[in-house]
Amino acid sequence: MKDKYKAVWVSHSSISDFLACPRAYYLRNVYKDPKTGHKITVTSPALSLGQTVHEVVEGLSVLAVNDRLKTPLLKKLDIAWQKVSGKVGGFKNKEQEEEFKERGRVMLKRVESHPGPILKKAVKIPTDFLPNYYLSEEDDIILCGKIDWLEYLEDSDSVHIIDFKTGKNEEDVESLQLPIYLLLATNTQPRTITKASYWYLNKSDDLTPKELPNYEDSLDKVLTVARRIKLARQLKHFVCPTKGCMKCRPLERILRSEGEKVGVSETRQDIYILP
């Protein structure tokens, strides 16, 4: 039996990093601080907002349908927000923090008043770790990741992939997010995937339906990039295409000791802010 932990693991976030800038991929997904043994990350108010809103909404799926909105979501937000309050969330001051927290309140009030799929049956992928499977046993590559919400469609005994969006921009049409989620959901639970949607929580009461990508096309696209990542790791070749882009520049500043370490994440990443 193969040792999974010797395989190359890829995810939507790591693939996105690599496609944007191989150097950023290296600094976020491979490099470890020799002093702490931890990977590094730069936090920001937008990231902290997204993290807390996702934590609150995604956490509802493990509850019985009738229990999901028993506790006010704003109360859950207050609890989740404690993890990102102050510098550890990248906030410059109390005013900025309150501005972003209010955006979170608005989104969660929208979920409470227009719950849609939140009050329908959900599918949970049974795992003690991130859902994962061998994208290619031959190449020793594993695809992993967490899907925000899998709605169970009782009439067809199938699954609806839902991704919550907390940012202001819409997902790029070239994004590999849906192909990756289709592969993950198909290979980590038994039901067929028949629908996919985004929910732009900052501006829409309703889901935005998305065309479900073709499975074989998705496999081909994702595996092609994953093989490029594996080759780059073997060759230890991670070069920024512009010799210093907006993706890798902040992480390079951390290496130059220009950042301030403000905490350690639950996944053991050293969290930094930049002046």
Protein backbone atom coordinates (compact mmCIF):
# COMPACT_ATOMS: atom_id res chain seq x y z
CA MET A 1 0.00 0.00 0.00
CA LYS A 2 1.26 3.47 -0.89
CA ASP A 3 2.18 5.94 1.84
CA LYS A 4 -0.26 8.81 1.28
CA TYR A 5 1.97 11.25 3.08
CA LYS A 6 4.78 10.76 0.57
CA ALA A 7 2.43 11.71 -2.26
CA VAL A 8 2.10 15.21 -3.70
CA TRP A 9 -1.09 16.75 -2.29
CA VAL A 10 -2.91 19.42 -4.29
CA SER A 11 -6.02 21.47 -3.58
CA HIS A 12 -7.99 24.33 -5.08
CA SER A 13 -5.96 26.89 -3.10
CA SER A 14 -2.54 25.37 -3.87
CA ILE A 15 -3.37 24.93 -7.58
CA SER A 16 -4.58 28.55 -7.71
CA ASP A 17 -1.32 29.67 -6.07
CA PHE A 18 0.76 27.76 -8.61
CA LEU A 19 -1.16 29.06 -11.63
CA ALA A 20 -0.86 32.62 -10.35
CA CYS A 21 2.84 32.40 -9.42
CA PRO A 22 5.00 29.30 -8.83
CA ARG A 23 7.14 31.27 -6.36
CA ALA A 24 4.04 32.15 -4.32
CA TYR A 25 3.05 28.48 -4.42
CA TYR A 26 6.45 27.56 -2.99
CA LEU A 27 6.35 30.17 -0.24
CA ARG A 28 2.80 29.28 0.82
CA ASN A 29 2.80 25.52 0.37
CA VAL A 30 6.37 24.21 0.58
CA TYR A 31 8.62 26.62 2.50
CA LYS A 32 8.81 26.26 6.29
CA ASP A 33 10.41 28.72 8.68
CA PRO A 34 13.58 26.96 9.90
CA LYS A 35 13.06 28.39 13.41
CA THR A 36 9.47 27.20 13.93
CA GLY A 37 9.07 24.44 11.34
CA HIS A 38 5.81 26.12 10.29
CA LYS A 39 4.55 27.35 6.93
CA ILE A 40 3.88 31.09 6.65
CA THR A 41 0.86 33.15 5.70
CA VAL A 42 -0.01 36.86 5.51
CA THR A 43 -3.39 37.73 6.96
CA SER A 44 -5.74 40.55 5.96
CA PRO A 45 -9.16 41.87 7.03
CA ALA A 46 -10.83 40.31 3.96
CA LEU A 47 -9.34 36.89 4.70
CA SER A 48 -10.41 37.10 8.33
CA LEU A 49 -13.94 38.07 7.34
CA GLY A 50 -14.19 35.17 4.92
CA GLN A 51 -12.77 32.72 7.46
CA THR A 52 -15.27 33.60 10.17
CA VAL A 53 -18.38 33.74 7.95
CA HIS A 54 -17.47 30.39 6.40
CA GLU A 55 -16.89 28.87 9.83
CA VAL A 56 -20.32 29.96 11.04
CA VAL A 57 -22.29 28.91 7.94
CA GLU A 58 -20.42 25.67 7.17
CA GLY A 59 -20.73 24.60 10.80
CA LEU A 60 -24.51 24.46 10.43
CA SER A 61 -24.36 21.40 8.16
CA VAL A 62 -23.49 19.04 11.05
CA LEU A 63 -26.66 20.04 12.92
CA ALA A 64 -30.14 18.63 12.43
CA VAL A 65 -32.15 20.82 10.03
CA ASN A 66 -34.50 22.02 12.77
CA ASP A 67 -31.57 23.05 15.00
CA ARG A 68 -29.54 25.06 12.51
CA LEU A 69 -31.00 28.47 13.23
CA LYS A 70 -31.92 27.93 16.88
CA THR A 71 -28.85 29.88 17.98
CA PRO A 72 -28.61 33.34 16.37
CA LEU A 73 -25.86 33.39 13.76
CA LEU A 74 -24.61 36.73 15.06
CA LYS A 75 -23.91 35.05 18.39
CA LYS A 76 -21.92 32.37 16.56
CA LEU A 77 -20.08 35.14 14.70
CA ASP A 78 -19.04 36.76 17.98
CA ILE A 79 -17.50 33.47 19.10
CA ALA A 80 -15.73 32.81 15.79
CA TRP A 81 -14.53 36.41 15.57
CA GLN A 82 -12.46 36.04 18.74
CA LYS A 83 -9.92 34.03 16.70
CA VAL A 84 -9.27 36.95 14.33
CA SER A 85 -9.80 40.01 16.51
CA GLY A 86 -7.06 42.64 16.51
CA LYS A 87 -3.69 42.25 14.82
CA VAL A 88 -4.07 38.51 14.31
CA GLY A 89 -6.86 39.30 11.84
CA GLY A 90 -4.81 41.94 10.06
CA PHE A 91 -6.87 44.84 11.40
CA LYS A 92 -5.12 48.19 11.71
CA ASN A 93 -7.49 49.54 14.34
CA LYS A 94 -10.85 49.00 16.05
CA GLU A 95 -12.70 51.07 13.46
CA GLN A 96 -11.49 48.91 10.59
CA GLU A 97 -12.25 45.74 12.51
CA GLU A 98 -15.80 46.90 13.28
CA GLU A 99 -16.33 47.81 9.62
CA PHE A 100 -15.45 44.27 8.49
CA LYS A 101 -17.36 42.62 11.32
CA GLU A 102 -20.46 44.58 10.30
CA ARG A 103 -20.09 43.19 6.78
CA GLY A 104 -20.08 39.74 8.36
CA ARG A 105 -23.25 40.54 10.32
CA VAL A 106 -25.00 41.68 7.13
CA MET A 107 -24.13 38.42 5.36
CA LEU A 108 -25.28 36.24 8.25
CA LYS A 109 -28.52 38.20 8.63
CA ARG A 110 -29.11 37.43 4.93
CA VAL A 111 -28.61 33.71 5.61
CA GLU A 112 -31.11 33.84 8.50
CA SER A 113 -33.75 35.71 6.52
CA HIS A 114 -33.24 33.74 3.26
CA PRO A 115 -31.85 30.39 4.44
CA GLY A 116 -32.56 28.48 1.22
CA PRO A 117 -30.34 25.34 1.25
CA ILE A 118 -29.40 25.90 4.89
CA LEU A 119 -32.77 24.45 5.94
CA LYS A 120 -32.51 21.46 3.63
CA LYS A 121 -30.76 18.13 4.06
CA ALA A 122 -26.98 18.18 3.66
CA VAL A 123 -24.44 15.51 2.83
CA LYS A 124 -21.32 15.25 5.00
CA ILE A 125 -18.24 13.46 3.67
CA PRO A 126 -17.06 11.08 6.42
CA THR A 127 -13.41 11.80 7.20
CA ASP A 128 -11.10 12.54 10.11
CA PHE A 129 -9.09 14.84 7.84
CA LEU A 130 -9.68 16.87 4.71
CA PRO A 131 -11.69 14.92 2.12
CA ASN A 132 -9.15 13.47 -0.31
CA TYR A 133 -8.57 10.78 -2.92
CA TYR A 134 -5.87 9.69 -5.37
CA LEU A 135 -6.19 11.96 -8.38
CA SER A 136 -3.59 9.67 -9.96
CA GLU A 137 -2.10 6.65 -8.24
CA GLU A 138 0.38 6.28 -11.09
CA ASP A 139 1.66 9.84 -10.51
CA ASP A 140 1.26 9.57 -6.72
CA ILE A 141 -0.88 12.72 -6.59
CA ILE A 142 -3.71 13.26 -4.11
CA LEU A 143 -6.47 15.86 -4.50
CA CYS A 144 -7.85 17.23 -1.25
CA GLY A 145 -10.15 20.01 -0.11
CA LYS A 146 -13.23 21.04 1.80
CA ILE A 147 -16.43 21.89 -0.07
CA ASP A 148 -18.54 24.54 1.68
CA TRP A 149 -21.90 22.78 1.39
CA LEU A 150 -23.32 19.65 -0.26
CA GLU A 151 -27.10 19.81 -0.45
CA TYR A 152 -28.90 16.47 -0.68
CA LEU A 153 -31.50 16.45 -3.45
CA GLU A 154 -34.02 13.88 -2.27
CA ASP A 155 -36.06 13.64 -5.49
CA SER A 156 -33.05 12.47 -7.51
CA ASP A 157 -30.93 11.04 -4.66
CA SER A 158 -28.12 13.31 -5.86
CA VAL A 159 -25.93 16.16 -4.63
CA HIS A 160 -25.82 19.90 -5.22
CA ILE A 161 -22.40 21.58 -4.73
CA ILE A 162 -22.70 25.01 -3.12
CA ASP A 163 -19.82 27.42 -2.54
CA PHE A 164 -20.25 30.48 -0.30
CA LYS A 165 -18.63 33.69 -1.56
CA THR A 166 -17.83 36.47 0.91
CA GLY A 167 -15.69 38.71 -1.32
CA LYS A 168 -16.81 41.52 -3.59
CA ASN A 169 -15.59 39.98 -6.85
CA GLU A 170 -17.22 37.17 -8.79
CA GLU A 171 -15.32 33.92 -9.40
CA ASP A 172 -13.24 33.97 -12.58
CA VAL A 173 -14.81 31.98 -15.42
CA GLU A 174 -11.44 30.23 -15.91
CA SER A 175 -11.29 29.15 -12.28
CA LEU A 176 -10.71 25.46 -11.62
CA GLN A 177 -12.77 25.57 -8.44
CA LEU A 178 -15.86 23.80 -9.81
CA PRO A 179 -13.86 21.16 -11.71
CA ILE A 180 -11.90 20.43 -8.53
CA TYR A 181 -15.04 20.28 -6.39
CA LEU A 182 -16.75 18.02 -8.93
CA LEU A 183 -13.81 15.59 -8.78
CA LEU A 184 -13.68 15.68 -4.99
CA ALA A 185 -17.41 15.27 -4.44
CA THR A 186 -17.69 12.46 -7.00
CA ASN A 187 -14.83 10.47 -5.50
CA THR A 188 -15.40 10.94 -1.76
CA GLN A 189 -19.12 10.14 -1.46
CA PRO A 190 -21.44 7.74 -3.33
CA ARG A 191 -24.09 10.00 -4.89
CA THR A 192 -24.07 11.62 -8.32
CA ILE A 193 -23.41 15.36 -8.59
CA THR A 194 -26.21 17.03 -10.56
CA LYS A 195 -26.03 20.75 -9.66
CA ALA A 196 -23.56 23.47 -8.68
CA SER A 197 -24.10 27.01 -7.41
CA TYR A 198 -22.30 29.96 -5.88
CA TRP A 199 -23.91 32.01 -3.12
CA TYR A 200 -22.61 35.59 -3.11
CA LEU A 201 -23.52 36.33 0.49
CA ASN A 202 -22.52 39.97 0.34
CA LYS A 203 -25.05 40.89 -2.35
CA SER A 204 -27.58 38.15 -3.14
CA ASP A 205 -30.43 36.47 -1.30
CA ASP A 206 -30.40 33.59 -3.78
CA LEU A 207 -27.95 31.10 -5.22
CA THR A 208 -26.30 31.73 -8.59
CA PRO A 209 -26.58 28.47 -10.60
CA LYS A 210 -23.42 27.40 -12.42
CA GLU A 211 -23.07 25.00 -15.31
CA LEU A 212 -21.66 21.73 -14.04
CA PRO A 213 -18.35 21.04 -15.81
CA ASN A 214 -17.71 17.82 -17.72
CA TYR A 215 -16.06 15.21 -15.50
CA GLU A 216 -13.44 14.00 -18.00
CA ASP A 217 -12.51 17.55 -18.99
CA SER A 218 -12.20 18.44 -15.30
CA LEU A 219 -9.93 15.47 -14.65
CA ASP A 220 -7.73 16.35 -17.60
CA LYS A 221 -7.38 20.03 -16.62
CA VAL A 222 -6.70 19.41 -12.94
CA LEU A 223 -4.31 16.50 -13.48
CA THR A 224 -2.35 18.51 -16.05
CA VAL A 225 -1.67 21.27 -13.51
CA ALA A 226 -1.04 18.77 -10.72
CA ARG A 227 1.66 17.08 -12.82
CA ARG A 228 3.29 20.47 -13.43
CA ILE A 229 3.31 21.05 -9.67
CA LYS A 230 4.89 17.66 -9.04
CA LEU A 231 7.59 18.34 -11.64
CA ALA A 232 8.32 21.78 -10.16
CA ARG A 233 8.70 20.17 -6.72
CA GLN A 234 11.03 17.49 -8.10
CA LEU A 235 13.18 20.09 -9.88
CA LYS A 236 12.83 22.59 -7.00
CA HIS A 237 12.07 25.17 -9.65
CA PHE A 238 9.63 27.87 -8.53
CA VAL A 239 10.10 31.12 -10.43
CA CYS A 240 7.83 34.16 -10.45
CA PRO A 241 6.97 34.94 -14.09
CA THR A 242 7.41 38.68 -13.49
CA LYS A 243 10.29 38.47 -10.96
CA GLY A 244 8.16 39.86 -8.15
CA CYS A 245 4.36 39.92 -8.47
CA MET A 246 1.58 40.86 -6.06
CA LYS A 247 1.17 37.19 -5.12
CA CYS A 248 4.74 36.43 -4.04
CA ARG A 249 5.92 39.92 -2.99
CA PRO A 250 4.21 39.96 0.43
CA LEU A 251 5.65 36.53 1.28
CA GLU A 252 9.12 37.60 0.14
CA ARG A 253 8.86 40.49 2.57
CA ILE A 254 8.26 38.01 5.39
CA LEU A 255 11.51 36.26 4.46
CA ARG A 256 13.27 39.64 4.62
CA SER A 257 11.96 40.08 8.20
CA GLU A 258 9.71 43.00 7.19
CA GLY A 259 6.59 41.45 8.71
CA GLU A 260 5.33 41.10 12.25
CA LYS A 261 4.34 37.64 13.47
CA VAL A 262 0.98 37.92 15.25
CA GLY A 263 -0.03 34.31 15.88
CA VAL A 264 -0.17 30.70 14.77
CA SER A 265 -3.20 29.30 12.94
CA GLU A 266 -5.12 26.15 13.82
CA THR A 267 -3.27 24.47 10.94
CA ARG A 268 0.10 25.52 12.40
CA GLN A 269 0.89 28.34 9.99
CA ASP A 270 2.80 31.33 11.33
CA ILE A 271 0.51 34.35 10.77
CA TYR A 272 2.11 37.65 9.75
CA ILE A 273 1.01 41.19 9.05
CA LEU A 274 2.93 43.68 6.93
CA PRO A 275 3.42 47.39 7.62
